[in-house]
Amino acid sequence: DCSVWNAKTEALIGDTDLKYILLT
């Protein structure tokens, strides 16, 4: 899930290699 896009979202993802946005 991805409620909003903001600095906190970016920090959550960090330096990982994001492959999927899994929506419930």
mmCIF file of all heavy atoms, coordinates in Angstrom:
data_MODEL
# 
_entry.id   MODEL 
# 
loop_
_atom_site.group_PDB 
_atom_site.id 
_atom_site.type_symbol 
_atom_site.label_atom_id 
_atom_site.label_alt_id 
_atom_site.label_comp_id 
_atom_site.label_asym_id 
_atom_site.label_entity_id 
_atom_site.label_seq_id 
_atom_site.pdbx_PDB_ins_code 
_atom_site.Cartn_x 
_atom_site.Cartn_y 
_atom_site.Cartn_z 
_atom_site.occupancy 
_atom_site.B_iso_or_equiv 
_atom_site.pdbx_formal_charge 
_atom_site.auth_seq_id 
_atom_site.auth_comp_id 
_atom_site.auth_asym_id 
_atom_site.auth_atom_id 
_atom_site.pdbx_PDB_model_num 
ATOM 1   N N   . ASP A 1 1  ? 0.830  -1.203 0.000  1.00 0.00 ? 1  ASP A N   1 
ATOM 2   C CA  . ASP A 1 1  ? 0.000  0.000  0.000  1.00 0.00 ? 1  ASP A CA  1 
ATOM 3   C C   . ASP A 1 1  ? 0.869  1.260  0.000  1.00 0.00 ? 1  ASP A C   1 
ATOM 4   O O   . ASP A 1 1  ? 2.032  1.230  0.413  1.00 0.00 ? 1  ASP A O   1 
ATOM 5   C CB  . ASP A 1 1  ? -1.005 0.012  1.145  1.00 0.00 ? 1  ASP A CB  1 
ATOM 6   C CG  . ASP A 1 1  ? -2.104 -1.036 0.967  1.00 0.00 ? 1  ASP A CG  1 
ATOM 7   O OD1 . ASP A 1 1  ? -2.366 -1.418 -0.199 1.00 0.00 ? 1  ASP A OD1 1 
ATOM 8   O OD2 . ASP A 1 1  ? -2.692 -1.477 1.965  1.00 0.00 ? 1  ASP A OD2 1 
ATOM 9   N N   . CYS A 1 2  ? 0.282  2.341  -0.504 1.00 0.00 ? 2  CYS A N   1 
ATOM 10  C CA  . CYS A 1 2  ? 1.048  3.576  -0.676 1.00 0.00 ? 2  CYS A CA  1 
ATOM 11  C C   . CYS A 1 2  ? 0.085  4.759  -0.563 1.00 0.00 ? 2  CYS A C   1 
ATOM 12  O O   . CYS A 1 2  ? -0.465 5.215  -1.547 1.00 0.00 ? 2  CYS A O   1 
ATOM 13  C CB  . CYS A 1 2  ? 1.753  3.571  -2.026 1.00 0.00 ? 2  CYS A CB  1 
ATOM 14  S SG  . CYS A 1 2  ? 2.850  4.980  -2.283 1.00 0.00 ? 2  CYS A SG  1 
ATOM 15  N N   . SER A 1 3  ? -0.112 5.221  0.661  1.00 0.00 ? 3  SER A N   1 
ATOM 16  C CA  . SER A 1 3  ? -1.148 6.212  0.940  1.00 0.00 ? 3  SER A CA  1 
ATOM 17  C C   . SER A 1 3  ? -0.849 7.584  0.348  1.00 0.00 ? 3  SER A C   1 
ATOM 18  O O   . SER A 1 3  ? -1.726 8.254  -0.198 1.00 0.00 ? 3  SER A O   1 
ATOM 19  C CB  . SER A 1 3  ? -1.331 6.347  2.456  1.00 0.00 ? 3  SER A CB  1 
ATOM 20  O OG  . SER A 1 3  ? -1.690 5.109  3.011  1.00 0.00 ? 3  SER A OG  1 
ATOM 21  N N   . VAL A 1 4  ? 0.407  8.017  0.499  1.00 0.00 ? 4  VAL A N   1 
ATOM 22  C CA  . VAL A 1 4  ? 0.815  9.344  0.011  1.00 0.00 ? 4  VAL A CA  1 
ATOM 23  C C   . VAL A 1 4  ? 2.258  9.257  -0.474 1.00 0.00 ? 4  VAL A C   1 
ATOM 24  O O   . VAL A 1 4  ? 2.994  8.322  -0.150 1.00 0.00 ? 4  VAL A O   1 
ATOM 25  C CB  . VAL A 1 4  ? 0.728  10.431 1.116  1.00 0.00 ? 4  VAL A CB  1 
ATOM 26  C CG1 . VAL A 1 4  ? -0.710 10.641 1.555  1.00 0.00 ? 4  VAL A CG1 1 
ATOM 27  C CG2 . VAL A 1 4  ? 1.613  10.060 2.300  1.00 0.00 ? 4  VAL A CG2 1 
ATOM 28  N N   . TRP A 1 5  ? 2.648  10.269 -1.229 1.00 0.00 ? 5  TRP A N   1 
ATOM 29  C CA  . TRP A 1 5  ? 4.055  10.426 -1.595 1.00 0.00 ? 5  TRP A CA  1 
ATOM 30  C C   . TRP A 1 5  ? 4.581  11.664 -0.878 1.00 0.00 ? 5  TRP A C   1 
ATOM 31  O O   . TRP A 1 5  ? 4.118  12.773 -1.112 1.00 0.00 ? 5  TRP A O   1 
ATOM 32  C CB  . TRP A 1 5  ? 4.234  10.579 -3.095 1.00 0.00 ? 5  TRP A CB  1 
ATOM 33  C CG  . TRP A 1 5  ? 5.626  11.034 -3.461 1.00 0.00 ? 5  TRP A CG  1 
ATOM 34  C CD1 . TRP A 1 5  ? 5.976  12.220 -4.022 1.00 0.00 ? 5  TRP A CD1 1 
ATOM 35  C CD2 . TRP A 1 5  ? 6.850  10.311 -3.266 1.00 0.00 ? 5  TRP A CD2 1 
ATOM 36  N NE1 . TRP A 1 5  ? 7.330  12.292 -4.191 1.00 0.00 ? 5  TRP A NE1 1 
ATOM 37  C CE2 . TRP A 1 5  ? 7.898  11.129 -3.733 1.00 0.00 ? 5  TRP A CE2 1 
ATOM 38  C CE3 . TRP A 1 5  ? 7.155  9.065  -2.725 1.00 0.00 ? 5  TRP A CE3 1 
ATOM 39  C CZ2 . TRP A 1 5  ? 9.236  10.731 -3.686 1.00 0.00 ? 5  TRP A CZ2 1 
ATOM 40  C CZ3 . TRP A 1 5  ? 8.485  8.670  -2.689 1.00 0.00 ? 5  TRP A CZ3 1 
ATOM 41  C CH2 . TRP A 1 5  ? 9.494  9.484  -3.161 1.00 0.00 ? 5  TRP A CH2 1 
ATOM 42  N N   . ASN A 1 6  ? 5.518  11.461 0.027  1.00 0.00 ? 6  ASN A N   1 
ATOM 43  C CA  . ASN A 1 6  ? 6.160  12.582 0.718  1.00 0.00 ? 6  ASN A CA  1 
ATOM 44  C C   . ASN A 1 6  ? 7.541  12.131 1.190  1.00 0.00 ? 6  ASN A C   1 
ATOM 45  O O   . ASN A 1 6  ? 7.999  11.026 0.859  1.00 0.00 ? 6  ASN A O   1 
ATOM 46  C CB  . ASN A 1 6  ? 5.292  13.075 1.893  1.00 0.00 ? 6  ASN A CB  1 
ATOM 47  C CG  . ASN A 1 6  ? 4.983  11.994 2.918  1.00 0.00 ? 6  ASN A CG  1 
ATOM 48  O OD1 . ASN A 1 6  ? 5.686  10.993 3.022  1.00 0.00 ? 6  ASN A OD1 1 
ATOM 49  N ND2 . ASN A 1 6  ? 3.915  12.191 3.688  1.00 0.00 ? 6  ASN A ND2 1 
ATOM 50  N N   . ALA A 1 7  ? 8.209  12.989 1.930  1.00 0.00 ? 7  ALA A N   1 
ATOM 51  C CA  . ALA A 1 7  ? 9.566  12.670 2.384  1.00 0.00 ? 7  ALA A CA  1 
ATOM 52  C C   . ALA A 1 7  ? 9.589  11.426 3.258  1.00 0.00 ? 7  ALA A C   1 
ATOM 53  O O   . ALA A 1 7  ? 10.563 10.650 3.246  1.00 0.00 ? 7  ALA A O   1 
ATOM 54  C CB  . ALA A 1 7  ? 10.154 13.863 3.140  1.00 0.00 ? 7  ALA A CB  1 
ATOM 55  N N   . LYS A 1 8  ? 8.524  11.217 4.013  1.00 0.00 ? 8  LYS A N   1 
ATOM 56  C CA  . LYS A 1 8  ? 8.456  10.040 4.877  1.00 0.00 ? 8  LYS A CA  1 
ATOM 57  C C   . LYS A 1 8  ? 8.343  8.760  4.056  1.00 0.00 ? 8  LYS A C   1 
ATOM 58  O O   . LYS A 1 8  ? 8.936  7.725  4.412  1.00 0.00 ? 8  LYS A O   1 
ATOM 59  C CB  . LYS A 1 8  ? 7.279  10.178 5.841  1.00 0.00 ? 8  LYS A CB  1 
ATOM 60  C CG  . LYS A 1 8  ? 7.199  9.087  6.892  1.00 0.00 ? 8  LYS A CG  1 
ATOM 61  C CD  . LYS A 1 8  ? 6.062  9.368  7.875  1.00 0.00 ? 8  LYS A CD  1 
ATOM 62  C CE  . LYS A 1 8  ? 5.946  8.267  8.917  1.00 0.00 ? 8  LYS A CE  1 
ATOM 63  N NZ  . LYS A 1 8  ? 4.838  8.541  9.870  1.00 0.00 ? 8  LYS A NZ  1 
ATOM 64  N N   . THR A 1 9  ? 7.598  8.817  2.959  1.00 0.00 ? 9  THR A N   1 
ATOM 65  C CA  . THR A 1 9  ? 7.507  7.665  2.063  1.00 0.00 ? 9  THR A CA  1 
ATOM 66  C C   . THR A 1 9  ? 8.872  7.348  1.469  1.00 0.00 ? 9  THR A C   1 
ATOM 67  O O   . THR A 1 9  ? 9.300  6.195  1.412  1.00 0.00 ? 9  THR A O   1 
ATOM 68  C CB  . THR A 1 9  ? 6.506  7.942  0.933  1.00 0.00 ? 9  THR A CB  1 
ATOM 69  O OG1 . THR A 1 9  ? 5.300  8.483  1.458  1.00 0.00 ? 9  THR A OG1 1 
ATOM 70  C CG2 . THR A 1 9  ? 6.205  6.659  0.161  1.00 0.00 ? 9  THR A CG2 1 
ATOM 71  N N   . GLU A 1 10 ? 9.555  8.392  1.024  1.00 0.00 ? 10 GLU A N   1 
ATOM 72  C CA  . GLU A 1 10 ? 10.890 8.215  0.447  1.00 0.00 ? 10 GLU A CA  1 
ATOM 73  C C   . GLU A 1 10 ? 11.855 7.630  1.475  1.00 0.00 ? 10 GLU A C   1 
ATOM 74  O O   . GLU A 1 10 ? 12.671 6.754  1.157  1.00 0.00 ? 10 GLU A O   1 
ATOM 75  C CB  . GLU A 1 10 ? 11.407 9.552  -0.081 1.00 0.00 ? 10 GLU A CB  1 
ATOM 76  C CG  . GLU A 1 10 ? 12.690 9.448  -0.882 1.00 0.00 ? 10 GLU A CG  1 
ATOM 77  C CD  . GLU A 1 10 ? 13.032 10.739 -1.592 1.00 0.00 ? 10 GLU A CD  1 
ATOM 78  O OE1 . GLU A 1 10 ? 12.494 11.798 -1.201 1.00 0.00 ? 10 GLU A OE1 1 
ATOM 79  O OE2 . GLU A 1 10 ? 13.844 10.682 -2.531 1.00 0.00 ? 10 GLU A OE2 1 
ATOM 80  N N   . ALA A 1 11 ? 11.750 8.087  2.712  1.00 0.00 ? 11 ALA A N   1 
ATOM 81  C CA  . ALA A 1 11 ? 12.623 7.570  3.767  1.00 0.00 ? 11 ALA A CA  1 
ATOM 82  C C   . ALA A 1 11 ? 12.307 6.105  4.071  1.00 0.00 ? 11 ALA A C   1 
ATOM 83  O O   . ALA A 1 11 ? 13.208 5.316  4.389  1.00 0.00 ? 11 ALA A O   1 
ATOM 84  C CB  . ALA A 1 11 ? 12.470 8.415  5.026  1.00 0.00 ? 11 ALA A CB  1 
ATOM 85  N N   . LEU A 1 12 ? 11.037 5.738  4.000  1.00 0.00 ? 12 LEU A N   1 
ATOM 86  C CA  . LEU A 1 12 ? 10.652 4.350  4.245  1.00 0.00 ? 12 LEU A CA  1 
ATOM 87  C C   . LEU A 1 12 ? 11.286 3.426  3.205  1.00 0.00 ? 12 LEU A C   1 
ATOM 88  O O   . LEU A 1 12 ? 11.807 2.360  3.542  1.00 0.00 ? 12 LEU A O   1 
ATOM 89  C CB  . LEU A 1 12 ? 9.124  4.217  4.213  1.00 0.00 ? 12 LEU A CB  1 
ATOM 90  C CG  . LEU A 1 12 ? 8.543  2.821  4.479  1.00 0.00 ? 12 LEU A CG  1 
ATOM 91  C CD1 . LEU A 1 12 ? 8.811  2.403  5.923  1.00 0.00 ? 12 LEU A CD1 1 
ATOM 92  C CD2 . LEU A 1 12 ? 7.048  2.797  4.195  1.00 0.00 ? 12 LEU A CD2 1 
ATOM 93  N N   . ILE A 1 13 ? 11.269 3.853  1.957  1.00 0.00 ? 13 ILE A N   1 
ATOM 94  C CA  . ILE A 1 13 ? 11.851 3.049  0.877  1.00 0.00 ? 13 ILE A CA  1 
ATOM 95  C C   . ILE A 1 13 ? 13.376 3.047  0.979  1.00 0.00 ? 13 ILE A C   1 
ATOM 96  O O   . ILE A 1 13 ? 14.021 2.026  0.758  1.00 0.00 ? 13 ILE A O   1 
ATOM 97  C CB  . ILE A 1 13 ? 11.393 3.580  -0.491 1.00 0.00 ? 13 ILE A CB  1 
ATOM 98  C CG1 . ILE A 1 13 ? 9.872  3.447  -0.622 1.00 0.00 ? 13 ILE A CG1 1 
ATOM 99  C CG2 . ILE A 1 13 ? 12.108 2.858  -1.636 1.00 0.00 ? 13 ILE A CG2 1 
ATOM 100 C CD1 . ILE A 1 13 ? 9.279  4.205  -1.793 1.00 0.00 ? 13 ILE A CD1 1 
ATOM 101 N N   . GLY A 1 14 ? 13.936 4.189  1.335  1.00 0.00 ? 14 GLY A N   1 
ATOM 102 C CA  . GLY A 1 14 ? 15.370 4.302  1.548  1.00 0.00 ? 14 GLY A CA  1 
ATOM 103 C C   . GLY A 1 14 ? 16.179 3.922  0.329  1.00 0.00 ? 14 GLY A C   1 
ATOM 104 O O   . GLY A 1 14 ? 15.816 4.257  -0.809 1.00 0.00 ? 14 GLY A O   1 
ATOM 105 N N   . ASP A 1 15 ? 17.275 3.184  0.552  1.00 0.00 ? 15 ASP A N   1 
ATOM 106 C CA  . ASP A 1 15 ? 18.161 2.808  -0.545 1.00 0.00 ? 15 ASP A CA  1 
ATOM 107 C C   . ASP A 1 15 ? 17.881 1.400  -1.060 1.00 0.00 ? 15 ASP A C   1 
ATOM 108 O O   . ASP A 1 15 ? 18.718 0.798  -1.733 1.00 0.00 ? 15 ASP A O   1 
ATOM 109 C CB  . ASP A 1 15 ? 19.623 2.922  -0.120 1.00 0.00 ? 15 ASP A CB  1 
ATOM 110 C CG  . ASP A 1 15 ? 19.980 1.970  1.028  1.00 0.00 ? 15 ASP A CG  1 
ATOM 111 O OD1 . ASP A 1 15 ? 19.073 1.265  1.527  1.00 0.00 ? 15 ASP A OD1 1 
ATOM 112 O OD2 . ASP A 1 15 ? 21.162 1.938  1.415  1.00 0.00 ? 15 ASP A OD2 1 
ATOM 113 N N   . THR A 1 16 ? 16.692 0.878  -0.764 1.00 0.00 ? 16 THR A N   1 
ATOM 114 C CA  . THR A 1 16 ? 16.338 -0.453 -1.252 1.00 0.00 ? 16 THR A CA  1 
ATOM 115 C C   . THR A 1 16 ? 15.975 -0.381 -2.736 1.00 0.00 ? 16 THR A C   1 
ATOM 116 O O   . THR A 1 16 ? 15.678 0.685  -3.273 1.00 0.00 ? 16 THR A O   1 
ATOM 117 C CB  . THR A 1 16 ? 15.163 -1.047 -0.463 1.00 0.00 ? 16 THR A CB  1 
ATOM 118 O OG1 . THR A 1 16 ? 13.989 -0.237 -0.654 1.00 0.00 ? 16 THR A OG1 1 
ATOM 119 C CG2 . THR A 1 16 ? 15.496 -1.129 1.026  1.00 0.00 ? 16 THR A CG2 1 
ATOM 120 N N   . ASP A 1 17 ? 15.988 -1.530 -3.365 1.00 0.00 ? 17 ASP A N   1 
ATOM 121 C CA  . ASP A 1 17 ? 15.656 -1.647 -4.788 1.00 0.00 ? 17 ASP A CA  1 
ATOM 122 C C   . ASP A 1 17 ? 14.172 -1.995 -4.903 1.00 0.00 ? 17 ASP A C   1 
ATOM 123 O O   . ASP A 1 17 ? 13.793 -3.160 -4.890 1.00 0.00 ? 17 ASP A O   1 
ATOM 124 C CB  . ASP A 1 17 ? 16.528 -2.724 -5.419 1.00 0.00 ? 17 ASP A CB  1 
ATOM 125 C CG  . ASP A 1 17 ? 16.298 -2.890 -6.916 1.00 0.00 ? 17 ASP A CG  1 
ATOM 126 O OD1 . ASP A 1 17 ? 15.621 -2.029 -7.509 1.00 0.00 ? 17 ASP A OD1 1 
ATOM 127 O OD2 . ASP A 1 17 ? 16.801 -3.884 -7.479 1.00 0.00 ? 17 ASP A OD2 1 
ATOM 128 N N   . LEU A 1 18 ? 13.334 -0.955 -5.002 1.00 0.00 ? 18 LEU A N   1 
ATOM 129 C CA  . LEU A 1 18 ? 11.883 -1.159 -4.968 1.00 0.00 ? 18 LEU A CA  1 
ATOM 130 C C   . LEU A 1 18 ? 11.398 -1.788 -6.273 1.00 0.00 ? 18 LEU A C   1 
ATOM 131 O O   . LEU A 1 18 ? 11.521 -1.204 -7.344 1.00 0.00 ? 18 LEU A O   1 
ATOM 132 C CB  . LEU A 1 18 ? 11.164 0.172  -4.723 1.00 0.00 ? 18 LEU A CB  1 
ATOM 133 C CG  . LEU A 1 18 ? 9.659  0.050  -4.487 1.00 0.00 ? 18 LEU A CG  1 
ATOM 134 C CD1 . LEU A 1 18 ? 9.372  -0.609 -3.144 1.00 0.00 ? 18 LEU A CD1 1 
ATOM 135 C CD2 . LEU A 1 18 ? 8.985  1.430  -4.544 1.00 0.00 ? 18 LEU A CD2 1 
ATOM 136 N N   . LYS A 1 19 ? 10.813 -2.970 -6.154 1.00 0.00 ? 19 LYS A N   1 
ATOM 137 C CA  . LYS A 1 19 ? 10.347 -3.710 -7.318 1.00 0.00 ? 19 LYS A CA  1 
ATOM 138 C C   . LYS A 1 19 ? 8.833  -3.653 -7.497 1.00 0.00 ? 19 LYS A C   1 
ATOM 139 O O   . LYS A 1 19 ? 8.342  -3.673 -8.623 1.00 0.00 ? 19 LYS A O   1 
ATOM 140 C CB  . LYS A 1 19 ? 10.774 -5.182 -7.208 1.00 0.00 ? 19 LYS A CB  1 
ATOM 141 C CG  . LYS A 1 19 ? 12.274 -5.403 -7.237 1.00 0.00 ? 19 LYS A CG  1 
ATOM 142 C CD  . LYS A 1 19 ? 12.863 -5.004 -8.582 1.00 0.00 ? 19 LYS A CD  1 
ATOM 143 C CE  . LYS A 1 19 ? 14.337 -5.372 -8.675 1.00 0.00 ? 19 LYS A CE  1 
ATOM 144 N NZ  . LYS A 1 19 ? 14.926 -4.950 -9.970 1.00 0.00 ? 19 LYS A NZ  1 
ATOM 145 N N   . TYR A 1 20 ? 8.090  -3.611 -6.385 1.00 0.00 ? 20 TYR A N   1 
ATOM 146 C CA  . TYR A 1 20 ? 6.640  -3.711 -6.469 1.00 0.00 ? 20 TYR A CA  1 
ATOM 147 C C   . TYR A 1 20 ? 5.955  -2.748 -5.510 1.00 0.00 ? 20 TYR A C   1 
ATOM 148 O O   . TYR A 1 20 ? 6.490  -2.434 -4.441 1.00 0.00 ? 20 TYR A O   1 
ATOM 149 C CB  . TYR A 1 20 ? 6.163  -5.130 -6.101 1.00 0.00 ? 20 TYR A CB  1 
ATOM 150 C CG  . TYR A 1 20 ? 6.718  -6.228 -6.954 1.00 0.00 ? 20 TYR A CG  1 
ATOM 151 C CD1 . TYR A 1 20 ? 7.730  -7.061 -6.472 1.00 0.00 ? 20 TYR A CD1 1 
ATOM 152 C CD2 . TYR A 1 20 ? 6.227  -6.465 -8.231 1.00 0.00 ? 20 TYR A CD2 1 
ATOM 153 C CE1 . TYR A 1 20 ? 8.241  -8.087 -7.241 1.00 0.00 ? 20 TYR A CE1 1 
ATOM 154 C CE2 . TYR A 1 20 ? 6.732  -7.498 -9.012 1.00 0.00 ? 20 TYR A CE2 1 
ATOM 155 C CZ  . TYR A 1 20 ? 7.738  -8.298 -8.514 1.00 0.00 ? 20 TYR A CZ  1 
ATOM 156 O OH  . TYR A 1 20 ? 8.239  -9.317 -9.278 1.00 0.00 ? 20 TYR A OH  1 
ATOM 157 N N   . ILE A 1 21 ? 4.756  -2.316 -5.898 1.00 0.00 ? 21 ILE A N   1 
ATOM 158 C CA  . ILE A 1 21 ? 3.798  -1.690 -4.993 1.00 0.00 ? 21 ILE A CA  1 
ATOM 159 C C   . ILE A 1 21 ? 2.627  -2.662 -4.909 1.00 0.00 ? 21 ILE A C   1 
ATOM 160 O O   . ILE A 1 21 ? 1.848  -2.804 -5.860 1.00 0.00 ? 21 ILE A O   1 
ATOM 161 C CB  . ILE A 1 21 ? 3.330  -0.317 -5.499 1.00 0.00 ? 21 ILE A CB  1 
ATOM 162 C CG1 . ILE A 1 21 ? 4.530  0.595  -5.773 1.00 0.00 ? 21 ILE A CG1 1 
ATOM 163 C CG2 . ILE A 1 21 ? 2.387  0.335  -4.486 1.00 0.00 ? 21 ILE A CG2 1 
ATOM 164 C CD1 . ILE A 1 21 ? 4.164  1.870  -6.519 1.00 0.00 ? 21 ILE A CD1 1 
ATOM 165 N N   . LEU A 1 22 ? 2.534  -3.363 -3.800 1.00 0.00 ? 22 LEU A N   1 
ATOM 166 C CA  . LEU A 1 22 ? 1.520  -4.394 -3.614 1.00 0.00 ? 22 LEU A CA  1 
ATOM 167 C C   . LEU A 1 22 ? 0.302  -3.781 -2.938 1.00 0.00 ? 22 LEU A C   1 
ATOM 168 O O   . LEU A 1 22 ? 0.353  -3.432 -1.763 1.00 0.00 ? 22 LEU A O   1 
ATOM 169 C CB  . LEU A 1 22 ? 2.077  -5.536 -2.756 1.00 0.00 ? 22 LEU A CB  1 
ATOM 170 C CG  . LEU A 1 22 ? 3.375  -6.189 -3.239 1.00 0.00 ? 22 LEU A CG  1 
ATOM 171 C CD1 . LEU A 1 22 ? 3.829  -7.240 -2.230 1.00 0.00 ? 22 LEU A CD1 1 
ATOM 172 C CD2 . LEU A 1 22 ? 3.201  -6.803 -4.618 1.00 0.00 ? 22 LEU A CD2 1 
ATOM 173 N N   . LEU A 1 23 ? -0.777 -3.663 -3.670 1.00 0.00 ? 23 LEU A N   1 
ATOM 174 C CA  . LEU A 1 23 ? -1.977 -3.028 -3.129 1.00 0.00 ? 23 LEU A CA  1 
ATOM 175 C C   . LEU A 1 23 ? -2.926 -4.080 -2.570 1.00 0.00 ? 23 LEU A C   1 
ATOM 176 O O   . LEU A 1 23 ? -3.244 -5.068 -3.233 1.00 0.00 ? 23 LEU A O   1 
ATOM 177 C CB  . LEU A 1 23 ? -2.667 -2.209 -4.221 1.00 0.00 ? 23 LEU A CB  1 
ATOM 178 C CG  . LEU A 1 23 ? -1.802 -1.066 -4.781 1.00 0.00 ? 23 LEU A CG  1 
ATOM 179 C CD1 . LEU A 1 23 ? -2.509 -0.384 -5.947 1.00 0.00 ? 23 LEU A CD1 1 
ATOM 180 C CD2 . LEU A 1 23 ? -1.459 -0.051 -3.696 1.00 0.00 ? 23 LEU A CD2 1 
ATOM 181 N N   . THR A 1 24 ? -3.369 -3.846 -1.343 1.00 0.00 ? 24 THR A N   1 
ATOM 182 C CA  . THR A 1 24 ? -4.316 -4.768 -0.726 1.00 0.00 ? 24 THR A CA  1 
ATOM 183 C C   . THR A 1 24 ? -5.732 -4.555 -1.254 1.00 0.00 ? 24 THR A C   1 
ATOM 184 O O   . THR A 1 24 ? -6.539 -5.479 -1.250 1.00 0.00 ? 24 THR A O   1 
ATOM 185 C CB  . THR A 1 24 ? -4.331 -4.619 0.802  1.00 0.00 ? 24 THR A CB  1 
ATOM 186 O OG1 . THR A 1 24 ? -4.696 -3.270 1.148  1.00 0.00 ? 24 THR A OG1 1 
ATOM 187 C CG2 . THR A 1 24 ? -2.956 -4.936 1.387  1.00 0.00 ? 24 THR A CG2 1 
# 
